[in-house]
Amino acid sequence: MRTLLNLLWALLGGGLVTAIEYVLAGLVLCITIVGIPFGVQCFKLAGLALFPFGKDFNDARPRGVTNLAFNVIWLVLAGIWICITHLTLALGLAVTIIGIPFAIQHVKLAMLALMPFGVEVREAR
């Protein structure tokens, strides 16, 4: 079931488009030394955006000064806009009954896009 949902997500739910956007942003950010940590987070989000079904992430906010500082920078420069994009896609998908599971995944990605540093992505049970 996860495979079918992930395939439909990639083709119809906006997964492929958002994953490509994350990968392109990650490549641009990795050009500079300062942007490498942010580029790595973009690659992590790209993998989750491409195949979100069957994956989960911890809800506890990360601890540590470095993670906090990177999350604040991320939130101000990119996180808010990425969150708005995911929420807009979620609203569009939630209009139909078939799109509700995809809308839920976009809401999860929106919350993760706000503060991705220190969050671990793992296989769901």
C-alpha atoms as a PDB file:
ATOM      1  CA  MET A   1       0.000   0.000   0.000  1.00  0.00           C
ATOM      2  CA  ARG A   2       2.868   2.366   0.834  1.00  0.00           C
ATOM      3  CA  THR A   3       4.414   1.798  -2.581  1.00  0.00           C
ATOM      4  CA  LEU A   4       1.167   2.595  -4.353  1.00  0.00           C
ATOM      5  CA  LEU A   5       0.611   5.730  -2.263  1.00  0.00           C
ATOM      6  CA  ASN A   6       4.200   6.874  -2.850  1.00  0.00           C
ATOM      7  CA  LEU A   7       3.841   6.355  -6.598  1.00  0.00           C
ATOM      8  CA  LEU A   8       0.550   8.261  -6.720  1.00  0.00           C
ATOM      9  CA  TRP A   9       2.078  10.945  -4.483  1.00  0.00           C
ATOM     10  CA  ALA A  10       5.052  11.402  -6.803  1.00  0.00           C
ATOM     11  CA  LEU A  11       2.876  11.674  -9.886  1.00  0.00           C
ATOM     12  CA  LEU A  12      -0.295  13.385  -8.661  1.00  0.00           C
ATOM     13  CA  GLY A  13       0.328  14.791  -5.185  1.00  0.00           C
ATOM     14  CA  GLY A  14       3.156  17.155  -5.997  1.00  0.00           C
ATOM     15  CA  GLY A  15       5.922  14.925  -4.633  1.00  0.00           C
ATOM     16  CA  LEU A  16       8.109  14.885  -7.719  1.00  0.00           C
ATOM     17  CA  VAL A  17       7.908  18.648  -8.194  1.00  0.00           C
ATOM     18  CA  THR A  18       8.705  19.462  -4.563  1.00  0.00           C
ATOM     19  CA  ALA A  19      11.542  16.909  -4.488  1.00  0.00           C
ATOM     20  CA  ILE A  20      13.113  18.447  -7.599  1.00  0.00           C
ATOM     21  CA  GLU A  21      12.814  21.912  -6.043  1.00  0.00           C
ATOM     22  CA  TYR A  22      14.515  20.703  -2.852  1.00  0.00           C
ATOM     23  CA  VAL A  23      17.344  19.031  -4.811  1.00  0.00           C
ATOM     24  CA  LEU A  24      17.962  22.128  -6.935  1.00  0.00           C
ATOM     25  CA  ALA A  25      17.985  24.344  -3.853  1.00  0.00           C
ATOM     26  CA  GLY A  26      20.344  21.907  -2.120  1.00  0.00           C
ATOM     27  CA  LEU A  27      22.754  21.957  -5.050  1.00  0.00           C
ATOM     28  CA  VAL A  28      22.789  25.750  -5.114  1.00  0.00           C
ATOM     29  CA  LEU A  29      23.322  25.932  -1.348  1.00  0.00           C
ATOM     30  CA  CYS A  30      26.158  23.390  -1.426  1.00  0.00           C
ATOM     31  CA  ILE A  31      28.171  25.591  -3.777  1.00  0.00           C
ATOM     32  CA  THR A  32      29.284  27.705  -0.823  1.00  0.00           C
ATOM     33  CA  ILE A  33      30.852  26.363   2.349  1.00  0.00           C
ATOM     34  CA  VAL A  34      28.431  28.318   4.518  1.00  0.00           C
ATOM     35  CA  GLY A  35      25.424  26.853   2.699  1.00  0.00           C
ATOM     36  CA  ILE A  36      26.423  23.184   2.986  1.00  0.00           C
ATOM     37  CA  PRO A  37      24.430  22.450   6.183  1.00  0.00           C
ATOM     38  CA  PHE A  38      21.353  24.009   4.603  1.00  0.00           C
ATOM     39  CA  GLY A  39      21.907  22.066   1.380  1.00  0.00           C
ATOM     40  CA  VAL A  40      22.108  18.803   3.337  1.00  0.00           C
ATOM     41  CA  GLN A  41      18.742  19.607   4.923  1.00  0.00           C
ATOM     42  CA  CYS A  42      17.308  20.264   1.458  1.00  0.00           C
ATOM     43  CA  PHE A  43      18.468  16.806   0.348  1.00  0.00           C
ATOM     44  CA  LYS A  44      16.891  15.244   3.445  1.00  0.00           C
ATOM     45  CA  LEU A  45      13.620  17.048   2.733  1.00  0.00           C
ATOM     46  CA  ALA A  46      13.811  16.020  -0.948  1.00  0.00           C
ATOM     47  CA  GLY A  47      13.939  12.348  -0.013  1.00  0.00           C
ATOM     48  CA  LEU A  48      11.013  12.751   2.320  1.00  0.00           C
ATOM     49  CA  ALA A  49       9.085  14.854  -0.204  1.00  0.00           C
ATOM     50  CA  LEU A  50       9.515  12.200  -2.897  1.00  0.00           C
ATOM     51  CA  PHE A  51       8.424   9.195  -0.800  1.00  0.00           C
ATOM     52  CA  PRO A  52       6.677  10.370   2.395  1.00  0.00           C
ATOM     53  CA  PHE A  53       4.428   7.387   2.987  1.00  0.00           C
ATOM     54  CA  GLY A  54       5.988   4.875   5.355  1.00  0.00           C
ATOM     55  CA  LYS A  55       8.333   7.438   6.887  1.00  0.00           C
ATOM     56  CA  ASP A  56       8.031   9.350  10.104  1.00  0.00           C
ATOM     57  CA  PHE A  57      10.081  11.918  11.966  1.00  0.00           C
ATOM     58  CA  ASN A  58      10.448  12.719  15.629  1.00  0.00           C
ATOM     59  CA  ASP A  59       8.172  15.464  16.870  1.00  0.00           C
ATOM     60  CA  ALA A  60      10.490  16.646  19.639  1.00  0.00           C
ATOM     61  CA  ARG A  61      12.236  19.869  18.738  1.00  0.00           C
ATOM     62  CA  PRO A  62      15.994  19.537  18.529  1.00  0.00           C
ATOM     63  CA  ARG A  63      18.240  20.709  21.298  1.00  0.00           C
ATOM     64  CA  GLY A  64      21.542  22.494  20.985  1.00  0.00           C
ATOM     65  CA  VAL A  65      22.702  25.968  20.161  1.00  0.00           C
ATOM     66  CA  THR A  66      23.880  25.075  16.655  1.00  0.00           C
ATOM     67  CA  ASN A  67      20.598  23.431  15.672  1.00  0.00           C
ATOM     68  CA  LEU A  68      18.666  26.337  17.148  1.00  0.00           C
ATOM     69  CA  ALA A  69      20.732  28.920  15.264  1.00  0.00           C
ATOM     70  CA  PHE A  70      20.464  27.026  11.970  1.00  0.00           C
ATOM     71  CA  ASN A  71      16.712  26.545  12.469  1.00  0.00           C
ATOM     72  CA  VAL A  72      16.209  30.268  13.076  1.00  0.00           C
ATOM     73  CA  ILE A  73      18.197  31.167   9.942  1.00  0.00           C
ATOM     74  CA  TRP A  74      16.324  28.512   7.949  1.00  0.00           C
ATOM     75  CA  LEU A  75      12.949  29.680   9.273  1.00  0.00           C
ATOM     76  CA  VAL A  76      13.537  33.314   8.373  1.00  0.00           C
ATOM     77  CA  LEU A  77      15.079  32.752   4.934  1.00  0.00           C
ATOM     78  CA  ALA A  78      13.247  29.708   3.596  1.00  0.00           C
ATOM     79  CA  GLY A  79      11.129  27.835   6.119  1.00  0.00           C
ATOM     80  CA  ILE A  80       8.142  30.139   6.114  1.00  0.00           C
ATOM     81  CA  TRP A  81       7.896  30.153   2.316  1.00  0.00           C
ATOM     82  CA  ILE A  82       8.281  26.391   2.038  1.00  0.00           C
ATOM     83  CA  CYS A  83       5.653  25.928   4.749  1.00  0.00           C
ATOM     84  CA  ILE A  84       3.223  28.210   2.891  1.00  0.00           C
ATOM     85  CA  THR A  85       3.818  26.256  -0.325  1.00  0.00           C
ATOM     86  CA  HIS A  86       3.081  22.925   1.355  1.00  0.00           C
ATOM     87  CA  LEU A  87      -0.013  24.300   3.096  1.00  0.00           C
ATOM     88  CA  THR A  88      -1.324  25.747  -0.174  1.00  0.00           C
ATOM     89  CA  LEU A  89      -0.862  22.394  -1.892  1.00  0.00           C
ATOM     90  CA  ALA A  90      -2.535  20.697   1.085  1.00  0.00           C
ATOM     91  CA  LEU A  91      -5.570  22.969   0.815  1.00  0.00           C
ATOM     92  CA  GLY A  92      -5.872  22.267  -2.890  1.00  0.00           C
ATOM     93  CA  LEU A  93      -5.647  18.521  -2.366  1.00  0.00           C
ATOM     94  CA  ALA A  94      -7.985  18.445   0.640  1.00  0.00           C
ATOM     95  CA  VAL A  95     -10.891  19.593  -1.531  1.00  0.00           C
ATOM     96  CA  THR A  96     -11.313  16.059  -2.865  1.00  0.00           C
ATOM     97  CA  ILE A  97     -11.727  12.922  -0.800  1.00  0.00           C
ATOM     98  CA  ILE A  98      -9.015  11.157  -2.777  1.00  0.00           C
ATOM     99  CA  GLY A  99      -6.557  13.995  -2.078  1.00  0.00           C
ATOM    100  CA  ILE A 100      -6.957  13.957   1.721  1.00  0.00           C
ATOM    101  CA  PRO A 101      -4.069  11.497   2.391  1.00  0.00           C
ATOM    102  CA  PHE A 102      -1.835  13.650   0.199  1.00  0.00           C
ATOM    103  CA  ALA A 103      -2.965  16.794   2.001  1.00  0.00           C
ATOM    104  CA  ILE A 104      -2.029  15.212   5.335  1.00  0.00           C
ATOM    105  CA  GLN A 105       1.460  14.468   4.007  1.00  0.00           C
ATOM    106  CA  HIS A 106       1.832  18.072   2.832  1.00  0.00           C
ATOM    107  CA  VAL A 107       0.876  19.308   6.315  1.00  0.00           C
ATOM    108  CA  LYS A 108       3.526  17.016   7.840  1.00  0.00           C
ATOM    109  CA  LEU A 109       6.100  18.323   5.367  1.00  0.00           C
ATOM    110  CA  ALA A 110       5.040  21.902   6.131  1.00  0.00           C
ATOM    111  CA  MET A 111       5.723  21.411   9.834  1.00  0.00           C
ATOM    112  CA  LEU A 112       9.076  19.786   9.086  1.00  0.00           C
ATOM    113  CA  ALA A 113       9.983  22.566   6.643  1.00  0.00           C
ATOM    114  CA  LEU A 114       9.752  25.139   9.421  1.00  0.00           C
ATOM    115  CA  MET A 115      12.604  23.683  11.497  1.00  0.00           C
ATOM    116  CA  PRO A 116      14.397  20.706   9.891  1.00  0.00           C
ATOM    117  CA  PHE A 117      17.692  20.788  11.791  1.00  0.00           C
ATOM    118  CA  GLY A 118      18.070  18.028  14.350  1.00  0.00           C
ATOM    119  CA  VAL A 119      14.978  16.135  13.225  1.00  0.00           C
ATOM    120  CA  GLU A 120      15.519  12.466  12.375  1.00  0.00           C
ATOM    121  CA  VAL A 121      13.599  10.826   9.547  1.00  0.00           C
ATOM    122  CA  ARG A 122      12.960   7.103  10.099  1.00  0.00           C
ATOM    123  CA  GLU A 123      10.819   4.287   8.758  1.00  0.00           C
ATOM    124  CA  ALA A 124       7.321   4.209  10.257  1.00  0.00           C
ATOM    125  CA  ARG A 125       6.268   1.147  12.186  1.00  0.00           C
END
